[in-house]
Amino acid sequence: MPWNLRPGPGILSARQRERNGILERLPQVRCVFRRDSGSLTFDVPPSETSRWRAIVRVLRSPMDAIGCALLPGFCSLCGSPLPHFSPVPICAVCWTEFPVLSDAACCRCGDTLSAPALDSTVALCRACRLAPPPFVRAVAYGLYQDRMKAAIHALKYDRLHPAARGLGRMLAQAIAQLAGEAPAEMLVIPVPLHRIKHAERGFNQARSLAVEALAVLRKSHPDWKLTLASSTLMRLRPTESQAGLTTRQRRLNVRGAFTVSNHAAVTMKHVLLIDDIFTTGATARAAALALERAGAASVWVATLARARRAYETRYDVPAMKPEDNEARSSHAPASRRGGQGAFRSSSHDQPSF
């Protein structure tokens, strides 16, 4: 007999009356069975933060469209219109067009090799074989040309400080090449500017890149202890611009230009030297030598870009007739005569390394 029917007390047995009494004292629960193929999630009311994010997402697109129509922005590198507001006026396409190093490179300084070596662990360029640098290894993200060159110029000379964030991510990828090979604890030292140059520019681009790169590496390599030490290395004297100088002139220009402010800070410490451009390695050698003399256990180098050499030495060119060599010497620039190499550069090309 169904429990919801309540016949008279004379009909029910004592056991049935006892059962009905128990059921009346139990809480009334209603079970509903239905077919539901939807998502089995809890209906939690959205937080205030979620509501505001939803509102911002809805309003962002029309606000960007209206803002770009009233105050159009253009990419600093290619000049194309920007589709939305951005603190960094560089379009998404330009960020994908930075030249990345992919050729066979020297395992010491990172310079491009004319031919790949059979064993990459002993692939050394001629300069590193004749005069080994005081640093262990130098790495870079891409070539100092095209979009990379324009972006570095925008950061250094046009004071486009927000560009350091995107460039710092690229520098972090270059530094990540040393993971597993470099020590687990390192001091990160940006190549300093002289106080006169720093006052003119207002900031040190090497330090800005290092700060952004370390922020990325703390997330991607949390076990790698990299400590920024910006004031450890000092530039003693204002050096001339390295643009247009030969390799020997560059090394003479920066010889003795660096010193360590506190030797105890670098004694028996491993150092990662940071700068924006690596050209001949003259500045990297001078800075690494100063750190080595101060007691550093080892020095490693990481730069955002690597300049490709735009000259040929007398050891690389084929043999020519005397009259041909004389004609070439008479028409060649002074910086390229006598077997010394130079780098193509403009008035803004002042690479630190």
Foldseek 3Di string as FASTA:
>chain_A
DDLVDDDDPVVDDPVNVVVNVVVVPDDDDDDDDDDDPDDPDDPDDDDPVVVVVVVCVVPQQVVQQVCCVVPWAAAQQPGHTESGDDLHRHHPVLLVPFAFDDAQAAFAEGAHDPDHDPDSVHRHDPVCVVPNFQARHEWAGGACDRSLVSLVCCVQPVVSLVSLLSLLCSLLVRVCVCPPPDDLAAEEEEDDAAPVVCVVRVDASQVSSVVNSVVVCCVVPVSRHYHYDHQQKHFQDHFDFQAFAFLVVLLVRRAPRMATPDLVVAAQHEYEYEFAEAESCSLVRRRSVRSVVSHHPHYYYTHHHYYHFPDDFPVPDDDDDPVVVVVVQVPDDPNPPPRTGHHDDDPSPRGND
